[in-house]
Amino acid sequence: MRFGWAPARVLSCLRSWCLGLACSVLVLLPGPGAGAAESVRIDHGVRVTFEPVDAPFVEHVLGIVQEASPHLRATLGLPSADTIHVHIAPTQDDFLTYTPGAIPDWGAGYAVPHRRLVVLRSPRITGTYDGSEELVVHELAHVMLHSALRGADIPRWLDEGFAMHMARDWGFWDRASLVVAVVSGNLVPLGAIQGVNRFPEHRAHLAYQQSALAVQYILRSYGEAGLHALFDSLRRTGSIDRACFETFGMSVVEFERDWIAYMERNYGWRMLLGESLSLVVAPLFGVLCLLAFLKIRRRRRATLHRWAREEEGDWRTDEDDWRRKNEEWVMSRERDE
């Protein structure tokens, strides 16, 4: 019995010691995805979570939020806002944590409105701060719009259109791409913009532009009061069709019909043949200016080369005259002697 009991006790103690050692090692090892400790910064109603190495980018983001928030609140009639959480994702996997599989490859940031959350990629992923101001204001506008409408089901074209309108200015190439879409009959129906995350990047870009111009159309046709009235009705009814009818006296289908007519007037053939001919002429004018500059430069170089040759020829002629006169002087001295 003793011989049998002693080895069993030793083995049991040995197993317990090994298990304890293994647990200690596992505790000391970093967990999956563990990296630098996450920092938290709270400033003016914004809570930012980030890795310490991204602290300069956090300051940049906070500056944008503090500048844009008052204008957004005033536009939406929000006297105050709950704390907004901005997460700076240190890796692409972390960036996709909150909406796995829902963000397309071309997505640079996104909002999760019901969580009052904005997720941005660290500049260590993107490699640049370029476009961060537009991106932050865009996602911030999503969160504030959903807060103002208290969880109403906002159609994607209105949601993206408001965010685009608040976040960016429109340049020449934006208008030019819309001209191509209108003239070719390639506009995205407003209802189809709901699935924009599944679009290829160029098609998604067009859908975002159209959304912005739908909001612009509301502002030009009905003013800011019309946009606010649409938001108020949507918050009360929860239906964009009922909100359109209450605000504009028409259905969403009729609204889209009028919006397409607006697009054709401002970005179609009439525009090309009318006041906005500059959209076509401007690139041609730029090419002509470039060709003129190259021609002038070529002429200038040719002139400089010609002058150099003339100066070189004059210098050689003077030297020849000097040598000839010197030889004549020497020969005259020899004759005299």
C-alpha atoms as a PDB file:
ATOM      1  CA  MET A   1       0.000   0.000   0.000  1.00  0.00           C
ATOM      2  CA  ARG A   2       2.710   2.465   0.887  1.00  0.00           C
ATOM      3  CA  PHE A   3       4.587   1.847  -2.302  1.00  0.00           C
ATOM      4  CA  GLY A   4       1.426   2.327  -4.253  1.00  0.00           C
ATOM      5  CA  TRP A   5       0.277   5.435  -2.331  1.00  0.00           C
ATOM      6  CA  ALA A   6       3.564   7.351  -2.313  1.00  0.00           C
ATOM      7  CA  PRO A   7       4.030   7.498  -6.127  1.00  0.00           C
ATOM      8  CA  ALA A   8       0.355   8.523  -6.574  1.00  0.00           C
ATOM      9  CA  ARG A   9       0.749  11.404  -4.121  1.00  0.00           C
ATOM     10  CA  VAL A  10       3.956  12.526  -5.798  1.00  0.00           C
ATOM     11  CA  LEU A  11       2.291  12.447  -9.221  1.00  0.00           C
ATOM     12  CA  SER A  12      -0.682  14.422  -7.900  1.00  0.00           C
ATOM     13  CA  CYS A  13       1.583  17.120  -6.443  1.00  0.00           C
ATOM     14  CA  LEU A  14       3.576  17.236  -9.655  1.00  0.00           C
ATOM     15  CA  ARG A  15       0.424  17.695 -11.756  1.00  0.00           C
ATOM     16  CA  SER A  16      -0.798  20.508  -9.467  1.00  0.00           C
ATOM     17  CA  TRP A  17       2.572  22.284  -9.696  1.00  0.00           C
ATOM     18  CA  CYS A  18       2.638  22.034 -13.517  1.00  0.00           C
ATOM     19  CA  LEU A  19      -0.947  23.297 -13.790  1.00  0.00           C
ATOM     20  CA  GLY A  20      -0.153  26.280 -11.585  1.00  0.00           C
ATOM     21  CA  LEU A  21       2.936  27.080 -13.647  1.00  0.00           C
ATOM     22  CA  ALA A  22       0.969  26.881 -16.899  1.00  0.00           C
ATOM     23  CA  CYS A  23      -1.717  29.229 -15.551  1.00  0.00           C
ATOM     24  CA  SER A  24       0.933  31.710 -14.438  1.00  0.00           C
ATOM     25  CA  VAL A  25       2.474  31.690 -17.912  1.00  0.00           C
ATOM     26  CA  LEU A  26      -0.928  32.224 -19.565  1.00  0.00           C
ATOM     27  CA  VAL A  27      -1.650  35.191 -17.300  1.00  0.00           C
ATOM     28  CA  LEU A  28       1.667  36.789 -18.207  1.00  0.00           C
ATOM     29  CA  LEU A  29       1.252  36.240 -21.951  1.00  0.00           C
ATOM     30  CA  PRO A  30      -0.612  38.988 -23.930  1.00  0.00           C
ATOM     31  CA  GLY A  31      -4.108  38.062 -25.027  1.00  0.00           C
ATOM     32  CA  PRO A  32      -5.145  37.926 -28.678  1.00  0.00           C
ATOM     33  CA  GLY A  33      -5.133  41.391 -30.219  1.00  0.00           C
ATOM     34  CA  ALA A  34      -3.572  42.903 -27.128  1.00  0.00           C
ATOM     35  CA  GLY A  35      -1.333  45.864 -27.792  1.00  0.00           C
ATOM     36  CA  ALA A  36      -0.604  49.159 -26.160  1.00  0.00           C
ATOM     37  CA  ALA A  37      -2.901  50.142 -23.312  1.00  0.00           C
ATOM     38  CA  GLU A  38      -5.903  52.135 -24.514  1.00  0.00           C
ATOM     39  CA  SER A  39      -6.106  55.751 -23.418  1.00  0.00           C
ATOM     40  CA  VAL A  40      -9.260  57.803 -22.849  1.00  0.00           C
ATOM     41  CA  ARG A  41      -9.643  61.531 -23.388  1.00  0.00           C
ATOM     42  CA  ILE A  42     -12.841  63.425 -22.499  1.00  0.00           C
ATOM     43  CA  ASP A  43     -13.171  66.995 -23.728  1.00  0.00           C
ATOM     44  CA  HIS A  44     -16.221  69.225 -24.416  1.00  0.00           C
ATOM     45  CA  GLY A  45     -18.740  66.387 -24.601  1.00  0.00           C
ATOM     46  CA  VAL A  46     -16.482  64.087 -26.638  1.00  0.00           C
ATOM     47  CA  ARG A  47     -14.985  60.863 -25.306  1.00  0.00           C
ATOM     48  CA  VAL A  48     -12.059  59.590 -27.372  1.00  0.00           C
ATOM     49  CA  THR A  49     -10.509  56.153 -27.002  1.00  0.00           C
ATOM     50  CA  PHE A  50      -7.139  55.598 -28.642  1.00  0.00           C
ATOM     51  CA  GLU A  51      -3.649  54.211 -28.297  1.00  0.00           C
ATOM     52  CA  PRO A  52      -1.145  56.723 -26.854  1.00  0.00           C
ATOM     53  CA  VAL A  53       0.855  56.848 -30.079  1.00  0.00           C
ATOM     54  CA  ASP A  54      -2.198  58.421 -31.782  1.00  0.00           C
ATOM     55  CA  ALA A  55      -2.395  61.322 -29.313  1.00  0.00           C
ATOM     56  CA  PRO A  56      -1.482  63.994 -31.937  1.00  0.00           C
ATOM     57  CA  PHE A  57      -4.292  62.763 -34.191  1.00  0.00           C
ATOM     58  CA  VAL A  58      -6.688  62.886 -31.239  1.00  0.00           C
ATOM     59  CA  GLU A  59      -5.892  66.580 -30.751  1.00  0.00           C
ATOM     60  CA  HIS A  60      -6.544  67.137 -34.455  1.00  0.00           C
ATOM     61  CA  VAL A  61      -9.907  65.338 -34.266  1.00  0.00           C
ATOM     62  CA  LEU A  62     -10.989  67.187 -31.117  1.00  0.00           C
ATOM     63  CA  GLY A  63     -10.250  70.502 -32.796  1.00  0.00           C
ATOM     64  CA  ILE A  64     -12.486  69.548 -35.733  1.00  0.00           C
ATOM     65  CA  VAL A  65     -15.313  68.380 -33.461  1.00  0.00           C
ATOM     66  CA  GLN A  66     -15.200  71.510 -31.310  1.00  0.00           C
ATOM     67  CA  GLU A  67     -15.368  73.723 -34.396  1.00  0.00           C
ATOM     68  CA  ALA A  68     -18.118  71.789 -36.198  1.00  0.00           C
ATOM     69  CA  SER A  69     -20.421  70.861 -33.292  1.00  0.00           C
ATOM     70  CA  PRO A  70     -21.980  74.307 -32.649  1.00  0.00           C
ATOM     71  CA  HIS A  71     -22.945  74.716 -36.314  1.00  0.00           C
ATOM     72  CA  LEU A  72     -24.412  71.210 -36.471  1.00  0.00           C
ATOM     73  CA  ARG A  73     -26.409  71.713 -33.276  1.00  0.00           C
ATOM     74  CA  ALA A  74     -27.737  75.047 -34.514  1.00  0.00           C
ATOM     75  CA  THR A  75     -28.717  73.556 -37.882  1.00  0.00           C
ATOM     76  CA  LEU A  76     -30.550  70.670 -36.234  1.00  0.00           C
ATOM     77  CA  GLY A  77     -32.014  72.692 -33.367  1.00  0.00           C
ATOM     78  CA  LEU A  78     -30.166  70.695 -30.722  1.00  0.00           C
ATOM     79  CA  PRO A  79     -29.589  72.920 -27.662  1.00  0.00           C
ATOM     80  CA  SER A  80     -27.209  70.352 -26.198  1.00  0.00           C
ATOM     81  CA  ALA A  81     -25.971  66.899 -26.981  1.00  0.00           C
ATOM     82  CA  ASP A  82     -25.038  63.790 -25.054  1.00  0.00           C
ATOM     83  CA  THR A  83     -21.441  62.696 -25.006  1.00  0.00           C
ATOM     84  CA  ILE A  84     -20.218  61.373 -28.334  1.00  0.00           C
ATOM     85  CA  HIS A  85     -17.691  58.539 -28.375  1.00  0.00           C
ATOM     86  CA  VAL A  86     -14.933  58.709 -30.987  1.00  0.00           C
ATOM     87  CA  HIS A  87     -12.774  55.612 -31.316  1.00  0.00           C
ATOM     88  CA  ILE A  88      -9.456  55.795 -33.156  1.00  0.00           C
ATOM     89  CA  ALA A  89      -8.890  52.257 -34.447  1.00  0.00           C
ATOM     90  CA  PRO A  90      -5.186  51.294 -34.370  1.00  0.00           C
ATOM     91  CA  THR A  91      -5.600  48.389 -36.818  1.00  0.00           C
ATOM     92  CA  GLN A  92      -7.918  47.449 -39.668  1.00  0.00           C
ATOM     93  CA  ASP A  93      -9.324  44.529 -37.639  1.00  0.00           C
ATOM     94  CA  ASP A  94     -10.110  46.872 -34.769  1.00  0.00           C
ATOM     95  CA  PHE A  95     -11.698  49.329 -37.234  1.00  0.00           C
ATOM     96  CA  LEU A  96     -14.203  46.649 -38.251  1.00  0.00           C
ATOM     97  CA  THR A  97     -14.996  45.547 -34.691  1.00  0.00           C
ATOM     98  CA  TYR A  98     -18.260  47.449 -34.246  1.00  0.00           C
ATOM     99  CA  THR A  99     -19.852  46.537 -37.585  1.00  0.00           C
ATOM    100  CA  PRO A 100     -18.174  43.311 -38.775  1.00  0.00           C
ATOM    101  CA  GLY A 101     -18.729  42.708 -42.480  1.00  0.00           C
ATOM    102  CA  ALA A 102     -20.808  45.864 -42.985  1.00  0.00           C
ATOM    103  CA  ILE A 103     -18.069  48.340 -43.960  1.00  0.00           C
ATOM    104  CA  PRO A 104     -16.846  48.218 -47.576  1.00  0.00           C
ATOM    105  CA  ASP A 105     -13.167  48.337 -48.515  1.00  0.00           C
ATOM    106  CA  TRP A 106     -13.459  51.976 -49.532  1.00  0.00           C
ATOM    107  CA  GLY A 107     -14.889  53.057 -46.166  1.00  0.00           C
ATOM    108  CA  ALA A 108     -12.607  55.454 -44.279  1.00  0.00           C
ATOM    109  CA  GLY A 109     -14.816  55.876 -41.216  1.00  0.00           C
ATOM    110  CA  TYR A 110     -18.338  55.171 -40.012  1.00  0.00           C
ATOM    111  CA  ALA A 111     -20.901  56.101 -37.404  1.00  0.00           C
ATOM    112  CA  VAL A 112     -22.988  53.865 -35.163  1.00  0.00           C
ATOM    113  CA  PRO A 113     -25.708  56.397 -34.319  1.00  0.00           C
ATOM    114  CA  HIS A 114     -27.627  54.385 -31.712  1.00  0.00           C
ATOM    115  CA  ARG A 115     -24.377  54.134 -29.729  1.00  0.00           C
ATOM    116  CA  ARG A 116     -23.408  57.758 -30.436  1.00  0.00           C
ATOM    117  CA  LEU A 117     -20.175  56.341 -31.779  1.00  0.00           C
ATOM    118  CA  VAL A 118     -17.811  57.454 -34.531  1.00  0.00           C
ATOM    119  CA  VAL A 119     -15.038  55.074 -35.595  1.00  0.00           C
ATOM    120  CA  LEU A 120     -12.012  56.414 -37.466  1.00  0.00           C
ATOM    121  CA  ARG A 121      -8.908  54.696 -38.742  1.00  0.00           C
ATOM    122  CA  SER A 122      -5.629  55.746 -37.201  1.00  0.00           C
ATOM    123  CA  PRO A 123      -3.311  57.679 -39.539  1.00  0.00           C
ATOM    124  CA  ARG A 124      -0.929  54.773 -38.973  1.00  0.00           C
ATOM    125  CA  ILE A 125      -3.311  52.822 -41.234  1.00  0.00           C
ATOM    126  CA  THR A 126      -4.166  55.572 -43.705  1.00  0.00           C
ATOM    127  CA  GLY A 127      -0.708  57.157 -43.741  1.00  0.00           C
ATOM    128  CA  THR A 128      -2.126  60.704 -43.807  1.00  0.00           C
ATOM    129  CA  TYR A 129      -4.343  63.296 -42.133  1.00  0.00           C
ATOM    130  CA  ASP A 130      -5.714  64.338 -45.538  1.00  0.00           C
ATOM    131  CA  GLY A 131      -9.501  64.348 -45.684  1.00  0.00           C
ATOM    132  CA  SER A 132      -9.850  63.890 -41.924  1.00  0.00           C
ATOM    133  CA  GLU A 133     -11.766  67.153 -41.438  1.00  0.00           C
ATOM    134  CA  GLU A 134     -14.424  66.220 -43.994  1.00  0.00           C
ATOM    135  CA  LEU A 135     -14.613  62.684 -42.620  1.00  0.00           C
ATOM    136  CA  VAL A 136     -15.011  63.722 -38.967  1.00  0.00           C
ATOM    137  CA  VAL A 137     -17.720  66.300 -39.732  1.00  0.00           C
ATOM    138  CA  HIS A 138     -19.529  63.792 -41.969  1.00  0.00           C
ATOM    139  CA  GLU A 139     -19.702  61.084 -39.298  1.00  0.00           C
ATOM    140  CA  LEU A 140     -20.473  63.595 -36.569  1.00  0.00           C
ATOM    141  CA  ALA A 141     -23.407  64.851 -38.645  1.00  0.00           C
ATOM    142  CA  HIS A 142     -24.795  61.290 -38.825  1.00  0.00           C
ATOM    143  CA  VAL A 143     -24.728  60.918 -35.042  1.00  0.00           C
ATOM    144  CA  MET A 144     -26.300  64.329 -34.387  1.00  0.00           C
ATOM    145  CA  LEU A 145     -28.988  63.896 -37.055  1.00  0.00           C
ATOM    146  CA  HIS A 146     -30.109  60.582 -35.561  1.00  0.00           C
ATOM    147  CA  SER A 147     -30.059  62.145 -32.111  1.00  0.00           C
ATOM    148  CA  ALA A 148     -32.233  65.044 -33.314  1.00  0.00           C
ATOM    149  CA  LEU A 149     -34.708  62.675 -34.994  1.00  0.00           C
ATOM    150  CA  ARG A 150     -34.767  60.423 -31.912  1.00  0.00           C
ATOM    151  CA  GLY A 151     -34.176  57.142 -33.658  1.00  0.00           C
ATOM    152  CA  ALA A 152     -36.543  57.648 -36.600  1.00  0.00           C
ATOM    153  CA  ASP A 153     -35.916  55.523 -39.690  1.00  0.00           C
ATOM    154  CA  ILE A 154     -34.037  58.020 -41.880  1.00  0.00           C
ATOM    155  CA  PRO A 155     -33.732  57.079 -45.568  1.00  0.00           C
ATOM    156  CA  ARG A 156     -30.106  56.656 -46.575  1.00  0.00           C
ATOM    157  CA  TRP A 157     -30.190  59.391 -49.230  1.00  0.00           C
ATOM    158  CA  LEU A 158     -31.361  61.938 -46.650  1.00  0.00           C
ATOM    159  CA  ASP A 159     -28.948  60.700 -43.993  1.00  0.00           C
ATOM    160  CA  GLU A 160     -25.925  60.749 -46.310  1.00  0.00           C
ATOM    161  CA  GLY A 161     -27.109  63.878 -48.082  1.00  0.00           C
ATOM    162  CA  PHE A 162     -27.263  65.900 -44.876  1.00  0.00           C
ATOM    163  CA  ALA A 163     -23.841  64.636 -43.767  1.00  0.00           C
ATOM    164  CA  MET A 164     -22.309  65.408 -47.170  1.00  0.00           C
ATOM    165  CA  HIS A 165     -23.918  68.851 -47.268  1.00  0.00           C
ATOM    166  CA  MET A 166     -22.509  69.743 -43.846  1.00  0.00           C
ATOM    167  CA  ALA A 167     -19.055  68.284 -44.440  1.00  0.00           C
ATOM    168  CA  ARG A 168     -17.779  69.491 -47.796  1.00  0.00           C
ATOM    169  CA  ASP A 169     -17.619  72.060 -50.558  1.00  0.00           C
ATOM    170  CA  TRP A 170     -18.251  71.083 -54.149  1.00  0.00           C
ATOM    171  CA  GLY A 171     -15.481  71.421 -56.689  1.00  0.00           C
ATOM    172  CA  PHE A 172     -15.256  71.375 -60.453  1.00  0.00           C
ATOM    173  CA  TRP A 173     -14.691  67.622 -60.806  1.00  0.00           C
ATOM    174  CA  ASP A 174     -17.670  66.829 -58.561  1.00  0.00           C
ATOM    175  CA  ARG A 175     -19.939  68.739 -60.926  1.00  0.00           C
ATOM    176  CA  ALA A 176     -18.259  67.249 -63.990  1.00  0.00           C
ATOM    177  CA  SER A 177     -18.886  63.659 -62.825  1.00  0.00           C
ATOM    178  CA  LEU A 178     -22.532  64.497 -62.199  1.00  0.00           C
ATOM    179  CA  VAL A 179     -22.842  65.921 -65.717  1.00  0.00           C
ATOM    180  CA  VAL A 180     -21.633  62.597 -67.109  1.00  0.00           C
ATOM    181  CA  ALA A 181     -24.134  60.660 -64.962  1.00  0.00           C
ATOM    182  CA  VAL A 182     -27.082  62.890 -65.896  1.00  0.00           C
ATOM    183  CA  VAL A 183     -26.309  63.052 -69.625  1.00  0.00           C
ATOM    184  CA  SER A 184     -25.742  59.283 -69.818  1.00  0.00           C
ATOM    185  CA  GLY A 185     -28.879  58.507 -67.778  1.00  0.00           C
ATOM    186  CA  ASN A 186     -26.771  56.780 -65.156  1.00  0.00           C
ATOM    187  CA  LEU A 187     -28.150  58.379 -61.975  1.00  0.00           C
ATOM    188  CA  VAL A 188     -28.751  56.110 -58.988  1.00  0.00           C
ATOM    189  CA  PRO A 189     -32.433  56.084 -57.892  1.00  0.00           C
ATOM    190  CA  LEU A 190     -32.729  57.673 -54.455  1.00  0.00           C
ATOM    191  CA  GLY A 191     -34.331  54.545 -53.020  1.00  0.00           C
ATOM    192  CA  ALA A 192     -31.465  52.383 -54.260  1.00  0.00           C
ATOM    193  CA  ILE A 193     -28.952  54.453 -52.276  1.00  0.00           C
ATOM    194  CA  GLN A 194     -30.084  52.454 -49.236  1.00  0.00           C
ATOM    195  CA  GLY A 195     -27.660  49.737 -50.386  1.00  0.00           C
ATOM    196  CA  VAL A 196     -24.702  52.060 -50.997  1.00  0.00           C
ATOM    197  CA  ASN A 197     -22.345  49.950 -48.849  1.00  0.00           C
ATOM    198  CA  ARG A 198     -22.568  47.202 -51.472  1.00  0.00           C
ATOM    199  CA  PHE A 199     -21.721  49.549 -54.357  1.00  0.00           C
ATOM    200  CA  PRO A 200     -18.308  49.691 -56.013  1.00  0.00           C
ATOM    201  CA  GLU A 201     -16.380  52.785 -54.973  1.00  0.00           C
ATOM    202  CA  HIS A 202     -17.073  54.915 -58.076  1.00  0.00           C
ATOM    203  CA  ARG A 203     -20.808  54.146 -57.907  1.00  0.00           C
ATOM    204  CA  ALA A 204     -20.880  54.869 -54.180  1.00  0.00           C
ATOM    205  CA  HIS A 205     -19.171  58.215 -54.781  1.00  0.00           C
ATOM    206  CA  LEU A 206     -21.903  59.130 -57.275  1.00  0.00           C
ATOM    207  CA  ALA A 207     -24.614  58.046 -54.804  1.00  0.00           C
ATOM    208  CA  TYR A 208     -23.132  60.273 -52.095  1.00  0.00           C
ATOM    209  CA  GLN A 209     -23.012  63.223 -54.506  1.00  0.00           C
ATOM    210  CA  GLN A 210     -26.623  62.692 -55.511  1.00  0.00           C
ATOM    211  CA  SER A 211     -27.663  62.519 -51.857  1.00  0.00           C
ATOM    212  CA  ALA A 212     -25.990  65.842 -51.157  1.00  0.00           C
ATOM    213  CA  LEU A 213     -27.700  67.419 -54.146  1.00  0.00           C
ATOM    214  CA  ALA A 214     -31.096  66.082 -53.029  1.00  0.00           C
ATOM    215  CA  VAL A 215     -30.618  68.001 -49.773  1.00  0.00           C
ATOM    216  CA  GLN A 216     -29.363  70.998 -51.747  1.00  0.00           C
ATOM    217  CA  TYR A 217     -32.531  70.825 -53.849  1.00  0.00           C
ATOM    218  CA  ILE A 218     -34.670  70.922 -50.687  1.00  0.00           C
ATOM    219  CA  LEU A 219     -32.759  73.939 -49.391  1.00  0.00           C
ATOM    220  CA  ARG A 220     -33.006  75.821 -52.684  1.00  0.00           C
ATOM    221  CA  SER A 221     -36.680  75.018 -53.207  1.00  0.00           C
ATOM    222  CA  TYR A 222     -38.022  75.237 -49.643  1.00  0.00           C
ATOM    223  CA  GLY A 223     -35.243  76.866 -47.614  1.00  0.00           C
ATOM    224  CA  GLU A 224     -33.856  75.774 -44.256  1.00  0.00           C
ATOM    225  CA  ALA A 225     -37.386  75.944 -42.837  1.00  0.00           C
ATOM    226  CA  GLY A 226     -38.430  73.271 -45.340  1.00  0.00           C
ATOM    227  CA  LEU A 227     -35.583  70.976 -44.335  1.00  0.00           C
ATOM    228  CA  HIS A 228     -36.345  71.449 -40.634  1.00  0.00           C
ATOM    229  CA  ALA A 229     -40.028  70.796 -41.283  1.00  0.00           C
ATOM    230  CA  LEU A 230     -39.152  67.564 -43.095  1.00  0.00           C
ATOM    231  CA  PHE A 231     -37.001  66.449 -40.154  1.00  0.00           C
ATOM    232  CA  ASP A 232     -39.758  67.319 -37.656  1.00  0.00           C
ATOM    233  CA  SER A 233     -42.381  65.413 -39.624  1.00  0.00           C
ATOM    234  CA  LEU A 234     -40.093  62.415 -40.052  1.00  0.00           C
ATOM    235  CA  ARG A 235     -39.439  62.362 -36.311  1.00  0.00           C
ATOM    236  CA  ARG A 236     -43.187  62.412 -35.576  1.00  0.00           C
ATOM    237  CA  THR A 237     -44.436  60.038 -38.269  1.00  0.00           C
ATOM    238  CA  GLY A 238     -41.456  57.745 -38.785  1.00  0.00           C
ATOM    239  CA  SER A 239     -42.298  57.621 -42.517  1.00  0.00           C
ATOM    240  CA  ILE A 240     -40.450  59.515 -45.218  1.00  0.00           C
ATOM    241  CA  ASP A 241     -43.462  59.289 -47.540  1.00  0.00           C
ATOM    242  CA  ARG A 242     -45.796  60.844 -44.967  1.00  0.00           C
ATOM    243  CA  ALA A 243     -43.131  63.406 -44.046  1.00  0.00           C
ATOM    244  CA  CYS A 244     -42.742  64.427 -47.710  1.00  0.00           C
ATOM    245  CA  PHE A 245     -46.488  64.743 -48.139  1.00  0.00           C
ATOM    246  CA  GLU A 246     -46.909  66.803 -44.957  1.00  0.00           C
ATOM    247  CA  THR A 247     -43.957  69.066 -45.782  1.00  0.00           C
ATOM    248  CA  PHE A 248     -43.999  69.406 -49.575  1.00  0.00           C
ATOM    249  CA  GLY A 249     -47.478  68.220 -50.482  1.00  0.00           C
ATOM    250  CA  MET A 250     -46.173  65.335 -52.576  1.00  0.00           C
ATOM    251  CA  SER A 251     -45.058  61.709 -52.271  1.00  0.00           C
ATOM    252  CA  VAL A 252     -41.444  60.591 -52.304  1.00  0.00           C
ATOM    253  CA  VAL A 253     -41.920  59.420 -55.904  1.00  0.00           C
ATOM    254  CA  GLU A 254     -43.110  62.882 -56.950  1.00  0.00           C
ATOM    255  CA  PHE A 255     -40.276  64.492 -54.976  1.00  0.00           C
ATOM    256  CA  GLU A 256     -37.724  62.345 -56.819  1.00  0.00           C
ATOM    257  CA  ARG A 257     -39.328  63.233 -60.156  1.00  0.00           C
ATOM    258  CA  ASP A 258     -38.947  66.951 -59.406  1.00  0.00           C
ATOM    259  CA  TRP A 259     -35.401  66.410 -58.154  1.00  0.00           C
ATOM    260  CA  ILE A 260     -34.423  64.628 -61.394  1.00  0.00           C
ATOM    261  CA  ALA A 261     -35.847  67.566 -63.380  1.00  0.00           C
ATOM    262  CA  TYR A 262     -33.712  69.857 -61.204  1.00  0.00           C
ATOM    263  CA  MET A 263     -30.644  67.728 -61.918  1.00  0.00           C
ATOM    264  CA  GLU A 264     -31.294  67.814 -65.653  1.00  0.00           C
ATOM    265  CA  ARG A 265     -31.657  71.589 -65.593  1.00  0.00           C
ATOM    266  CA  ASN A 266     -28.466  72.100 -63.635  1.00  0.00           C
ATOM    267  CA  TYR A 267     -26.286  69.190 -64.753  1.00  0.00           C
ATOM    268  CA  GLY A 268     -27.711  68.009 -68.079  1.00  0.00           C
ATOM    269  CA  TRP A 269     -27.506  69.073 -71.729  1.00  0.00           C
ATOM    270  CA  ARG A 270     -29.235  72.369 -71.012  1.00  0.00           C
ATOM    271  CA  MET A 271     -26.461  73.209 -68.605  1.00  0.00           C
ATOM    272  CA  LEU A 272     -23.766  72.329 -71.129  1.00  0.00           C
ATOM    273  CA  LEU A 273     -25.404  74.511 -73.768  1.00  0.00           C
ATOM    274  CA  GLY A 274     -26.363  77.284 -71.382  1.00  0.00           C
ATOM    275  CA  GLU A 275     -24.817  79.329 -68.635  1.00  0.00           C
ATOM    276  CA  SER A 276     -22.521  76.596 -67.331  1.00  0.00           C
ATOM    277  CA  LEU A 277     -20.660  75.949 -70.582  1.00  0.00           C
ATOM    278  CA  SER A 278     -17.528  76.565 -68.528  1.00  0.00           C
ATOM    279  CA  LEU A 279     -17.684  72.955 -67.288  1.00  0.00           C
ATOM    280  CA  VAL A 280     -16.714  71.883 -70.801  1.00  0.00           C
ATOM    281  CA  VAL A 281     -14.685  74.920 -71.830  1.00  0.00           C
ATOM    282  CA  ALA A 282     -12.569  75.081 -68.675  1.00  0.00           C
ATOM    283  CA  PRO A 283     -10.628  71.833 -69.282  1.00  0.00           C
ATOM    284  CA  LEU A 284     -10.066  72.781 -72.938  1.00  0.00           C
ATOM    285  CA  PHE A 285      -8.941  76.238 -71.891  1.00  0.00           C
ATOM    286  CA  GLY A 286      -6.535  74.671 -69.421  1.00  0.00           C
ATOM    287  CA  VAL A 287      -5.073  72.430 -72.131  1.00  0.00           C
ATOM    288  CA  LEU A 288      -4.700  75.398 -74.492  1.00  0.00           C
ATOM    289  CA  CYS A 289      -2.943  77.402 -71.775  1.00  0.00           C
ATOM    290  CA  LEU A 290      -0.562  74.516 -71.172  1.00  0.00           C
ATOM    291  CA  LEU A 291       0.214  74.194 -74.889  1.00  0.00           C
ATOM    292  CA  ALA A 292       0.740  77.953 -75.167  1.00  0.00           C
ATOM    293  CA  PHE A 293       3.081  77.894 -72.186  1.00  0.00           C
ATOM    294  CA  LEU A 294       5.121  75.051 -73.707  1.00  0.00           C
ATOM    295  CA  LYS A 295       5.293  76.849 -77.064  1.00  0.00           C
ATOM    296  CA  ILE A 296       6.443  80.105 -75.444  1.00  0.00           C
ATOM    297  CA  ARG A 297       9.014  78.199 -73.438  1.00  0.00           C
ATOM    298  CA  ARG A 298      10.276  76.465 -76.578  1.00  0.00           C
ATOM    299  CA  ARG A 299      10.549  79.786 -78.395  1.00  0.00           C
ATOM    300  CA  ARG A 300      12.389  81.336 -75.473  1.00  0.00           C
ATOM    301  CA  ARG A 301      14.894  78.508 -75.412  1.00  0.00           C
ATOM    302  CA  ALA A 302      15.402  78.778 -79.182  1.00  0.00           C
ATOM    303  CA  THR A 303      16.008  82.513 -78.849  1.00  0.00           C
ATOM    304  CA  LEU A 304      18.524  82.032 -76.068  1.00  0.00           C
ATOM    305  CA  HIS A 305      20.353  79.404 -78.114  1.00  0.00           C
ATOM    306  CA  ARG A 306      20.438  81.761 -81.109  1.00  0.00           C
ATOM    307  CA  TRP A 307      21.814  84.600 -79.021  1.00  0.00           C
ATOM    308  CA  ALA A 308      24.433  82.271 -77.574  1.00  0.00           C
ATOM    309  CA  ARG A 309      25.527  81.237 -81.057  1.00  0.00           C
ATOM    310  CA  GLU A 310      25.661  84.855 -82.187  1.00  0.00           C
ATOM    311  CA  GLU A 311      27.722  85.856 -79.176  1.00  0.00           C
ATOM    312  CA  GLU A 312      30.009  82.911 -79.769  1.00  0.00           C
ATOM    313  CA  GLY A 313      30.396  83.911 -83.414  1.00  0.00           C
ATOM    314  CA  ASP A 314      31.113  87.540 -82.507  1.00  0.00           C
ATOM    315  CA  TRP A 315      33.745  86.472 -79.975  1.00  0.00           C
ATOM    316  CA  ARG A 316      35.508  84.274 -82.504  1.00  0.00           C
ATOM    317  CA  THR A 317      35.446  87.111 -85.104  1.00  0.00           C
ATOM    318  CA  ASP A 318      37.029  89.553 -82.678  1.00  0.00           C
ATOM    319  CA  GLU A 319      39.765  87.049 -81.864  1.00  0.00           C
ATOM    320  CA  ASP A 320      40.474  86.484 -85.521  1.00  0.00           C
ATOM    321  CA  ASP A 321      40.720  90.236 -86.095  1.00  0.00           C
ATOM    322  CA  TRP A 322      43.075  90.601 -83.151  1.00  0.00           C
ATOM    323  CA  ARG A 323      45.300  87.794 -84.378  1.00  0.00           C
ATOM    324  CA  ARG A 324      45.359  89.194 -87.913  1.00  0.00           C
ATOM    325  CA  LYS A 325      46.236  92.692 -86.728  1.00  0.00           C
ATOM    326  CA  ASN A 326      48.900  91.318 -84.412  1.00  0.00           C
ATOM    327  CA  GLU A 327      50.479  89.358 -87.239  1.00  0.00           C
ATOM    328  CA  GLU A 328      50.447  92.435 -89.491  1.00  0.00           C
ATOM    329  CA  TRP A 329      52.108  94.487 -86.761  1.00  0.00           C
ATOM    330  CA  VAL A 330      54.856  91.885 -86.289  1.00  0.00           C
ATOM    331  CA  MET A 331      55.487  91.676 -90.020  1.00  0.00           C
ATOM    332  CA  SER A 332      55.673  95.466 -90.301  1.00  0.00           C
ATOM    333  CA  ARG A 333      58.307  95.574 -87.519  1.00  0.00           C
ATOM    334  CA  GLU A 334      60.351  92.926 -89.267  1.00  0.00           C
ATOM    335  CA  ARG A 335      60.296  94.901 -92.537  1.00  0.00           C
ATOM    336  CA  ASP A 336      61.381  98.068 -90.717  1.00  0.00           C
ATOM    337  CA  GLU A 337      64.286  96.263 -89.142  1.00  0.00           C
END
